[in-house]
Protein backbone atom coordinates (compact mmCIF):
# COMPACT_ATOMS: atom_id res chain seq x y z
CA MET A 1 23.45 -57.00 -70.50
CA THR A 2 23.74 -53.79 -69.32
CA ARG A 3 26.24 -51.55 -71.72
CA PHE A 4 28.99 -49.61 -69.82
CA ARG A 5 28.24 -45.93 -69.44
CA SER A 6 30.75 -43.68 -70.73
CA SER A 7 30.07 -39.85 -69.52
CA ILE A 8 31.07 -37.08 -71.82
CA VAL A 9 32.72 -35.24 -68.76
CA TRP A 10 35.13 -37.76 -67.96
CA ARG A 11 35.85 -38.46 -71.82
CA VAL A 12 36.79 -34.78 -71.89
CA ALA A 13 38.74 -35.24 -68.63
CA LEU A 14 40.72 -37.98 -69.69
CA VAL A 15 41.70 -36.20 -72.96
CA ALA A 16 42.60 -33.01 -71.12
CA CYS A 17 44.85 -34.90 -68.46
CA ALA A 18 46.31 -36.67 -71.46
CA CYS A 19 47.02 -33.52 -73.23
CA ALA A 20 48.40 -31.96 -69.91
CA ALA A 21 50.70 -35.01 -69.59
CA ALA A 22 52.14 -34.67 -72.97
CA ALA A 23 52.80 -30.69 -72.37
CA ILE A 24 54.54 -31.66 -69.18
CA ALA A 25 56.85 -34.42 -70.62
CA ALA A 26 57.54 -31.93 -73.58
CA ALA A 27 58.47 -29.52 -71.04
CA LEU A 28 60.75 -31.51 -69.16
CA GLY A 29 62.35 -32.97 -72.20
CA ALA A 30 62.85 -29.49 -73.93
CA ASN A 31 64.37 -28.11 -70.39
CA ALA A 32 66.71 -30.99 -70.08
CA LEU A 33 68.09 -30.35 -73.78
CA LEU A 34 68.29 -26.74 -73.69
CA GLY A 35 68.30 -25.60 -69.94
CA ASP A 36 65.87 -22.58 -70.05
CA PRO A 37 62.95 -23.41 -68.19
CA SER A 38 60.98 -20.36 -69.75
CA LEU A 39 61.73 -21.84 -73.09
CA ALA A 40 60.69 -25.23 -72.32
CA GLY A 41 57.33 -23.85 -70.38
CA GLY A 42 56.56 -22.30 -73.67
CA ILE A 43 57.25 -25.47 -75.86
CA GLY A 44 55.08 -27.36 -73.26
CA VAL A 45 51.97 -24.82 -73.58
CA ALA A 46 52.57 -24.79 -77.20
CA VAL A 47 52.32 -28.81 -77.51
CA MET A 48 49.12 -28.73 -75.04
CA VAL A 49 47.58 -26.51 -77.48
CA LEU A 50 48.45 -27.92 -80.67
CA VAL A 51 47.68 -31.49 -79.57
CA GLY A 52 44.66 -30.60 -76.85
CA ILE A 53 42.35 -28.83 -79.68
CA PRO A 54 42.18 -31.35 -82.32
CA ALA A 55 42.12 -33.98 -79.72
CA ILE A 56 39.08 -32.19 -78.05
CA ARG A 57 37.59 -31.44 -81.26
CA ARG A 58 37.56 -35.31 -82.00
CA VAL A 59 36.13 -36.24 -79.01
CA LEU A 60 33.29 -33.63 -79.27
CA ALA A 61 33.11 -33.88 -83.20
CA PRO A 62 29.94 -36.83 -83.11
CA MET A 63 28.07 -34.65 -80.37
CA THR A 64 28.29 -31.56 -82.47
CA ALA A 65 26.98 -33.21 -85.38
CA MET A 66 24.34 -34.74 -83.17
CA PHE A 67 23.22 -31.36 -81.92
CA ARG A 68 23.09 -29.69 -85.58
CA ALA A 69 20.87 -33.00 -85.95
CA LEU A 70 18.47 -32.42 -83.06
CA GLU A 71 18.35 -28.70 -84.13
CA GLY A 72 17.30 -29.77 -87.70
CA THR A 73 14.77 -32.17 -86.18
CA VAL A 74 13.09 -29.61 -83.79
CA THR A 75 12.73 -26.96 -86.79
CA SER A 76 10.54 -30.20 -88.68
CA TYR A 77 8.75 -30.96 -85.60
CA ARG A 78 7.90 -27.27 -85.36
CA ASP A 79 6.79 -27.69 -89.06
CA GLY A 80 4.51 -30.86 -88.38
CA ASP A 81 6.68 -33.32 -90.01
CA PHE A 82 7.65 -36.27 -87.37
CA ALA A 83 8.39 -39.01 -89.81
CA PHE A 84 12.30 -39.89 -88.88
CA SER A 85 14.37 -40.44 -85.59
CA LEU A 86 18.04 -40.27 -84.90
CA ALA A 87 20.43 -43.03 -83.97
CA TRP A 88 23.50 -42.57 -81.18
CA ASP A 89 25.71 -45.30 -80.36
CA GLY A 90 26.91 -43.95 -77.35
CA ASN A 91 25.85 -44.73 -73.78
CA ASP A 92 25.93 -41.33 -72.32
CA GLU A 93 23.98 -38.00 -71.94
CA VAL A 94 23.68 -37.52 -75.88
CA GLY A 95 22.27 -41.15 -76.05
CA ASP A 96 19.95 -40.05 -73.16
CA LEU A 97 18.93 -36.97 -75.10
CA VAL A 98 18.45 -38.73 -78.41
CA THR A 99 16.42 -41.09 -76.82
CA ALA A 100 13.91 -38.89 -75.21
CA HIS A 101 13.95 -37.09 -78.56
CA ASN A 102 12.68 -40.00 -80.31
CA ALA A 103 10.01 -40.88 -77.87
CA LEU A 104 8.91 -37.23 -78.28
CA GLY A 105 8.60 -37.79 -82.09
CA ASP A 106 7.02 -41.09 -81.59
CA THR A 107 4.22 -39.43 -79.11
CA LEU A 108 3.94 -36.60 -81.54
CA ARG A 109 3.60 -39.04 -84.61
CA ASN A 110 1.21 -41.20 -82.76
CA GLN A 111 -0.92 -37.97 -81.79
CA ARG A 112 -0.99 -36.65 -85.05
CA GLU A 113 -2.26 -39.68 -86.54
CA SER A 114 -5.23 -40.12 -83.97
CA LEU A 115 -5.99 -36.02 -84.75
CA VAL A 116 -5.99 -36.68 -88.18
CA GLN A 117 -8.08 -39.76 -87.81
CA ARG A 118 -10.50 -37.86 -85.65
CA GLU A 119 -10.53 -34.82 -88.37
CA LEU A 120 -11.37 -36.95 -91.07
CA LEU A 121 -14.19 -38.51 -88.88
CA LEU A 122 -15.60 -35.13 -87.94
CA ASP A 123 -15.33 -33.42 -91.58
CA THR A 124 -17.34 -36.42 -92.77
CA MET A 125 -20.18 -36.03 -90.28
CA VAL A 126 -19.93 -32.34 -90.91
CA GLN A 127 -20.50 -33.07 -94.64
CA HIS A 128 -23.21 -34.89 -94.87
CA THR A 129 -25.21 -33.71 -92.15
CA PRO A 130 -28.43 -31.75 -93.85
CA ILE A 131 -27.73 -28.85 -91.70
CA ALA A 132 -25.72 -26.14 -93.66
CA MET A 133 -22.54 -24.65 -92.11
CA LEU A 134 -20.44 -21.84 -93.39
CA LEU A 135 -17.42 -20.36 -91.47
CA VAL A 136 -16.47 -16.68 -92.34
CA ASP A 137 -13.34 -15.13 -91.39
CA GLN A 138 -13.05 -11.40 -90.26
CA VAL A 139 -12.61 -9.97 -93.84
CA GLY A 140 -15.96 -11.95 -95.23
CA HIS A 141 -14.29 -14.62 -96.79
CA VAL A 142 -15.53 -17.98 -96.55
CA VAL A 143 -13.36 -20.40 -94.89
CA TYR A 144 -15.14 -23.55 -94.86
CA GLY A 145 -18.58 -24.86 -96.17
CA ASN A 146 -20.24 -28.18 -96.06
CA LEU A 147 -21.97 -29.97 -98.80
CA ALA A 148 -25.47 -28.60 -97.51
CA ALA A 149 -23.91 -25.35 -97.80
CA ARG A 150 -22.72 -25.65 -101.32
CA THR A 151 -25.97 -26.80 -102.16
CA LEU A 152 -27.91 -24.02 -100.57
CA LEU A 153 -25.72 -21.09 -101.51
CA GLY A 154 -23.24 -21.92 -104.41
CA GLY A 155 -25.34 -24.45 -106.85
CA GLY A 156 -23.20 -27.43 -105.55
CA ARG A 157 -19.93 -25.72 -106.06
CA ARG A 158 -16.87 -25.22 -103.58
CA VAL A 159 -17.39 -22.20 -101.64
CA GLU A 160 -14.23 -21.76 -100.05
CA GLY A 161 -12.35 -18.47 -100.74
CA LEU A 162 -15.42 -16.79 -102.01
CA LYS A 163 -16.67 -13.80 -100.35
CA LEU A 164 -19.95 -14.21 -98.28
CA ALA A 165 -21.68 -11.10 -99.95
CA ALA A 166 -20.99 -12.46 -103.50
CA LEU A 167 -22.82 -15.75 -102.51
CA LEU A 168 -25.63 -14.15 -100.97
CA ASP A 169 -26.22 -11.88 -104.24
CA GLY A 170 -27.39 -15.23 -105.78
CA ALA A 171 -29.38 -16.25 -102.64
CA PRO A 172 -33.10 -15.90 -102.07
CA GLU A 173 -33.70 -12.43 -100.56
CA SER A 174 -35.36 -13.91 -97.46
CA LEU A 175 -31.61 -15.58 -96.47
CA ARG A 176 -29.97 -12.31 -97.50
CA GLU A 177 -32.42 -10.20 -95.09
CA ALA A 178 -31.67 -12.67 -92.44
CA VAL A 179 -27.83 -12.77 -92.61
CA THR A 180 -27.61 -9.15 -92.94
CA ARG A 181 -30.08 -8.18 -90.10
CA GLY A 182 -27.73 -10.08 -87.40
CA GLY A 183 -28.51 -12.33 -84.42
CA ASP A 184 -30.69 -15.68 -84.74
CA GLY A 185 -33.87 -16.12 -86.53
CA LEU A 186 -36.24 -17.90 -88.78
CA PHE A 187 -36.92 -17.01 -92.53
CA VAL A 188 -38.82 -18.80 -95.38
CA VAL A 189 -37.73 -19.59 -98.68
CA ALA A 190 -39.96 -19.98 -101.22
CA HIS A 191 -40.04 -22.71 -104.07
CA GLU A 192 -39.50 -21.63 -107.70
CA ASP A 193 -43.00 -23.08 -108.78
CA GLY A 194 -44.41 -20.86 -105.80
CA ASP A 195 -46.86 -23.79 -104.34
CA ASP A 196 -44.70 -24.41 -101.28
CA GLU A 197 -42.12 -23.20 -99.06
CA ASP A 198 -38.93 -24.12 -96.74
CA VAL A 199 -38.52 -22.76 -93.43
CA TYR A 200 -35.04 -22.34 -92.30
CA TYR A 201 -33.53 -21.45 -88.77
CA LEU A 202 -30.31 -19.50 -88.72
CA ALA A 203 -28.18 -19.57 -85.97
CA ARG A 204 -24.63 -17.56 -85.86
CA SER A 205 -22.06 -17.80 -83.25
CA GLY A 206 -18.41 -15.81 -83.28
CA PHE A 207 -15.01 -17.18 -82.08
CA ARG A 208 -11.39 -16.84 -82.47
CA LEU A 209 -9.56 -19.50 -84.68
CA ASN A 210 -5.88 -19.28 -84.75
CA GLY A 211 -5.81 -16.18 -82.92
CA ARG A 212 -8.38 -14.49 -85.68
CA PRO A 213 -12.08 -13.81 -85.16
CA HIS A 214 -14.41 -15.84 -87.21
CA GLU A 215 -18.34 -16.46 -87.47
CA LEU A 216 -20.04 -19.66 -87.90
CA PHE A 217 -23.29 -19.56 -89.71
CA VAL A 218 -25.80 -22.75 -89.06
CA LEU A 219 -28.84 -23.04 -91.56
CA ARG A 220 -31.11 -25.74 -90.44
CA GLN A 221 -34.19 -26.56 -92.27
CA LEU A 222 -37.10 -27.06 -90.13
CA THR A 223 -40.03 -27.63 -93.10
CA VAL A 224 -40.29 -31.42 -92.00
CA GLU A 225 -39.87 -30.46 -88.43
CA LEU A 226 -42.64 -27.93 -88.23
CA HIS A 227 -44.87 -30.11 -90.18
CA ARG A 228 -44.49 -32.73 -87.49
CA GLN A 229 -44.91 -30.42 -85.08
CA GLU A 230 -48.12 -29.21 -86.78
CA VAL A 231 -49.49 -32.59 -86.88
CA LYS A 232 -48.79 -32.57 -82.74
CA THR A 233 -50.42 -29.21 -82.25
CA TRP A 234 -53.70 -30.07 -84.29
CA LYS A 235 -54.08 -32.78 -81.79
CA LYS A 236 -53.54 -30.85 -79.01
CA VAL A 237 -55.97 -28.34 -80.40
CA ILE A 238 -58.51 -31.14 -81.04
CA ARG A 239 -58.26 -31.82 -77.38
CA LEU A 240 -58.52 -28.39 -76.23
CA ILE A 241 -61.76 -27.79 -78.38
CA SER A 242 -63.12 -31.17 -77.05
CA HIS A 243 -62.22 -30.18 -73.37
CA GLU A 244 -64.03 -26.69 -73.50
CA LEU A 245 -67.05 -27.85 -75.39
CA ASN A 246 -67.52 -30.63 -72.83
CA ASN A 247 -67.26 -28.05 -69.96
CA SER A 248 -69.95 -25.72 -71.64
CA LEU A 249 -72.20 -28.68 -73.07
CA ALA A 250 -72.22 -30.87 -69.87
CA PRO A 251 -73.53 -27.90 -67.70
CA ILE A 252 -76.02 -26.62 -70.41
CA ALA A 253 -77.32 -30.41 -70.40
CA SER A 254 -77.53 -30.50 -66.50
CA LEU A 255 -79.24 -27.43 -66.50
CA ALA A 256 -81.81 -28.20 -69.23
CA HIS A 257 -82.76 -31.18 -67.23
CA SER A 258 -83.00 -29.51 -63.97
CA GLY A 259 -85.37 -26.58 -65.87
CA GLY A 260 -87.56 -29.44 -67.00
CA GLU A 261 -87.85 -30.69 -63.33
CA LEU A 262 -88.51 -27.39 -62.25
CA LEU A 263 -91.41 -26.81 -64.90
CA LYS A 264 -93.23 -30.34 -63.83
CA ARG A 265 -93.27 -29.20 -60.12
CA SER A 266 -94.41 -25.68 -61.51
CA GLN A 267 -91.52 -23.85 -59.46
CA TYR A 268 -91.25 -21.17 -62.42
CA GLU A 269 -89.48 -18.51 -59.86
CA GLN A 270 -86.41 -20.63 -60.57
CA LEU A 271 -86.36 -21.03 -64.18
CA GLU A 272 -84.94 -17.54 -64.77
CA ARG A 273 -81.57 -18.39 -62.96
CA VAL A 274 -81.50 -21.37 -64.86
CA PHE A 275 -82.11 -20.06 -68.40
CA ALA A 276 -79.63 -17.06 -67.45
CA THR A 277 -76.84 -19.60 -66.65
CA ILE A 278 -77.52 -21.42 -69.77
CA ALA A 279 -77.41 -18.24 -71.80
CA GLU A 280 -73.95 -17.36 -70.51
CA ARG A 281 -72.36 -20.52 -70.85
CA ALA A 282 -73.84 -20.65 -74.47
CA ARG A 283 -71.96 -17.20 -75.03
CA HIS A 284 -68.94 -18.17 -73.81
CA LEU A 285 -68.72 -21.55 -76.04
CA GLU A 286 -69.91 -18.99 -78.81
CA GLN A 287 -67.05 -16.68 -78.43
CA PHE A 288 -64.31 -19.65 -77.62
CA ILE A 289 -65.56 -21.17 -81.44
CA GLN A 290 -65.57 -17.67 -83.18
CA GLY A 291 -62.23 -17.16 -81.99
CA TYR A 292 -61.05 -19.90 -83.41
CA ALA A 293 -63.25 -19.91 -86.77
CA LYS A 294 -61.52 -16.16 -87.04
CA PHE A 295 -58.27 -18.12 -87.69
CA ALA A 296 -59.32 -20.88 -89.50
CA LYS A 297 -61.40 -18.84 -91.95
CA LEU A 298 -59.53 -15.63 -92.97
CA PRO A 299 -61.22 -14.36 -95.82
CA ALA A 300 -59.07 -13.10 -98.81
CA PRO A 301 -57.59 -9.81 -98.43
CA ARG A 302 -59.41 -6.82 -100.27
CA LEU A 303 -56.25 -4.79 -101.55
CA GLU A 304 -56.46 -1.31 -102.01
CA PRO A 305 -53.98 1.81 -101.64
CA THR A 306 -53.50 2.37 -98.04
CA PRO A 307 -51.87 5.59 -96.73
CA TRP A 308 -49.33 5.02 -93.68
CA LYS A 309 -50.32 7.85 -91.58
CA PRO A 310 -54.25 7.13 -91.20
CA LEU A 311 -53.45 3.45 -90.51
CA VAL A 312 -50.79 4.38 -87.68
CA ASP A 313 -52.86 6.97 -86.22
CA ARG A 314 -55.90 4.07 -85.63
CA LEU A 315 -53.30 1.87 -84.26
CA ARG A 316 -52.20 4.65 -81.83
CA THR A 317 -55.42 4.73 -80.44
CA GLN A 318 -55.23 1.02 -79.54
CA ILE A 319 -51.70 0.85 -77.95
CA THR A 320 -48.86 2.81 -77.49
CA PHE A 321 -45.50 2.64 -79.45
CA ALA A 322 -42.71 4.70 -81.09
CA ILE A 323 -41.77 5.17 -84.79
CA ASP A 324 -38.55 4.57 -85.89
CA GLY A 325 -37.85 6.80 -88.89
CA ALA A 326 -40.10 8.52 -91.59
CA LEU A 327 -43.28 6.83 -92.98
CA PRO A 328 -43.03 6.06 -96.80
CA ASP A 329 -45.20 8.70 -98.91
CA ALA A 330 -46.44 6.03 -100.96
CA PRO A 331 -49.49 4.10 -99.86
CA ALA A 332 -49.02 0.09 -99.26
CA VAL A 333 -51.50 -1.95 -101.34
CA VAL A 334 -52.93 -4.19 -98.62
CA ASP A 335 -56.00 -5.18 -97.03
CA PRO A 336 -56.24 -2.22 -94.20
CA ALA A 337 -58.46 -3.98 -91.70
CA GLN A 338 -56.22 -7.05 -91.86
CA LEU A 339 -52.99 -5.55 -91.86
CA GLU A 340 -54.03 -3.43 -88.79
CA GLN A 341 -54.90 -6.55 -86.97
CA ALA A 342 -51.71 -8.18 -87.49
CA LEU A 343 -49.81 -5.27 -86.45
CA VAL A 344 -51.96 -4.83 -83.11
CA ASN A 345 -51.16 -8.66 -82.47
CA LEU A 346 -47.47 -7.66 -82.94
CA LEU A 347 -47.58 -4.69 -80.91
CA ARG A 348 -49.55 -6.08 -77.80
CA ASN A 349 -46.77 -9.09 -77.66
CA ALA A 350 -44.09 -6.30 -77.51
CA HIS A 351 -45.82 -5.09 -74.87
CA GLU A 352 -46.17 -8.34 -73.06
CA SER A 353 -42.67 -8.97 -73.45
CA GLY A 354 -41.45 -6.65 -70.68
CA SER A 355 -39.88 -4.01 -73.08
CA THR A 356 -40.32 -0.45 -72.14
CA VAL A 357 -42.69 1.56 -74.13
CA ALA A 358 -40.25 3.74 -75.54
CA ASP A 359 -38.28 0.60 -76.76
CA ILE A 360 -41.39 -0.78 -78.68
CA GLN A 361 -40.81 0.64 -82.13
CA LEU A 362 -42.37 0.47 -85.57
CA ARG A 363 -40.35 0.94 -88.72
CA VAL A 364 -41.46 0.68 -92.29
CA ARG A 365 -39.54 0.86 -95.32
CA ARG A 366 -40.41 0.89 -98.96
CA LEU A 367 -38.21 -1.42 -101.08
CA ALA A 368 -38.36 -1.43 -105.10
CA ALA A 369 -41.00 -4.08 -105.04
CA ALA A 370 -41.93 -4.60 -101.57
CA VAL A 371 -42.62 -3.22 -98.18
CA THR A 372 -41.51 -4.14 -95.13
CA ILE A 373 -42.92 -3.48 -92.01
CA GLU A 374 -40.80 -4.17 -88.56
CA VAL A 375 -42.08 -4.13 -85.00
CA ALA A 376 -39.07 -4.24 -82.50
CA ASP A 377 -38.71 -4.50 -78.61
CA ARG A 378 -36.20 -4.67 -75.81
CA GLY A 379 -37.84 -7.45 -73.72
CA SER A 380 -36.39 -10.89 -72.71
CA GLY A 381 -36.51 -12.19 -76.55
CA MET A 382 -37.02 -15.86 -76.95
CA GLU A 383 -35.29 -18.99 -76.26
CA ALA A 384 -33.68 -21.11 -78.91
CA THR A 385 -36.14 -23.77 -78.49
CA VAL A 386 -39.33 -21.62 -78.71
CA LEU A 387 -38.21 -19.14 -82.01
CA PRO A 388 -38.54 -22.14 -84.35
CA ASN A 389 -42.28 -22.98 -82.97
CA ALA A 390 -43.12 -19.38 -82.85
CA LEU A 391 -45.23 -19.11 -85.98
CA LEU A 392 -47.11 -22.40 -85.36
CA PRO A 393 -50.82 -22.10 -84.63
CA PHE A 394 -51.85 -22.70 -80.99
CA TYR A 395 -48.33 -22.73 -79.74
CA SER A 396 -47.73 -20.52 -76.76
CA THR A 397 -45.69 -20.44 -73.85
CA LYS A 398 -47.92 -17.70 -71.95
CA ARG A 399 -50.30 -19.05 -68.97
CA GLY A 400 -53.85 -19.19 -70.67
CA GLY A 401 -52.66 -18.19 -74.40
CA THR A 402 -54.45 -19.25 -77.30
CA GLY A 403 -51.30 -19.37 -79.51
CA LEU A 404 -53.22 -17.73 -82.33
CA GLY A 405 -51.38 -14.15 -82.16
CA LEU A 406 -48.14 -14.76 -84.46
CA ALA A 407 -50.10 -17.56 -86.26
CA LEU A 408 -52.51 -14.99 -87.27
CA VAL A 409 -50.01 -12.24 -88.28
CA ARG A 410 -48.29 -15.30 -90.58
CA GLU A 411 -51.54 -16.21 -92.12
CA ILE A 412 -52.30 -12.42 -92.85
CA THR A 413 -48.96 -11.93 -94.17
CA GLU A 414 -49.11 -15.06 -96.28
CA ALA A 415 -52.43 -14.30 -97.71
CA HIS A 416 -51.03 -11.34 -99.08
CA GLY A 417 -48.05 -13.18 -100.69
CA GLY A 418 -45.64 -12.03 -98.06
CA ARG A 419 -43.54 -13.71 -95.46
CA VAL A 420 -42.73 -13.28 -91.69
CA SER A 421 -39.13 -13.45 -90.22
CA LEU A 422 -38.44 -13.18 -86.47
CA VAL A 423 -35.08 -12.84 -85.12
CA ASN A 424 -33.36 -12.10 -81.35
CA ARG A 425 -31.94 -8.48 -81.40
CA GLU A 426 -28.46 -8.30 -80.21
CA GLY A 427 -28.52 -6.63 -76.89
CA GLY A 428 -32.06 -8.00 -75.98
CA GLY A 429 -35.58 -8.08 -77.35
CA VAL A 430 -36.96 -9.71 -80.71
CA ALA A 431 -37.92 -8.07 -84.04
CA VAL A 432 -40.48 -9.53 -86.36
CA THR A 433 -40.52 -8.54 -89.82
CA ILE A 434 -43.43 -8.61 -92.24
CA THR A 435 -42.52 -8.36 -95.92
CA ILE A 436 -45.33 -7.59 -98.35
CA PRO A 437 -44.57 -7.56 -102.37
CA GLN A 438 -46.26 -4.45 -103.76
């Protein structure tokens, strides 16, 4: 059954008409009794004011109370409280407003419940992912850290509210260097027993949260993935070596057979060409095998005090680069031949990156217990899919590349008890840092 609709306008108009009628009646009566039209008019106006104002206030009082209630609910909505509704008995404009208001509250409440459920699901997923995540505000305070981040940096304790710098004080040195340097990159964390190590990939991104700048640090452990990739790489290199051996041995066998036939026929004049071709293929095969054997059988480094200036001068006779800062006065305790080979590989990679010669820089810093050597360029950088695999043996994105350059750098550095890290530089380019303990 449809309820009768009572408009607020008509109710106010009806009250106003009743008050006007009472005022007119009072004025007419006063005029009849007193015979003074002016006095009678004043009495009519007084009656209208004294009767009309209370009457209109009584009509509008429920609506005024409802407006105050609506104001309170809007304030609650702003504060995120949707757990109530309003009631209005009249079938009028205020009733329509209350109905729309309650419907808005129901919608906001349902949306918040759905959002809470999604946030719980997302938080559960983020908390239990093996990838460490840290959210840091503009002043360096940790806003959020999942379980993996707490384990890696906080010893299992909560890290929210702590300063990132304080957390890094107790973190491995390689992690501190990776965060301080800026940009994305790889770093290695050695186990306490010194027998093994874990490889991590650091990715960072900035965004605005609640109108304020924040930075997200994502630390992904790549050790298992790298081991799996290394197995795939070794299978690939076995196929490569098998292919190269077949390409050399098959012609040699064929030429040897041809040489035997020529010898039977006493055609000695063609034997020289056959033997020359066999020798050329044998030399190619020897060079190929020696290249891989050099990587596989790297000798133990012969450590000796090595001044920096003669080492840099020898490098400059082979390749062009610039020096960033002054060279340390104290010599480094390294194998000079192996370190020179590692730096040549890095500088050649920098030249092949598309960087200008002026932007290829070598920087050496002497720390309390180590020396760091950085080779930086302003080339195209490394893609996110390439960077985690860059140090793997035989991994290369270059046509015809062997994938031994950076792998040999890593082998030489680790033979010295050090580590290698790679990062994409802000503004373009790659920085490769070798850290060797002294």
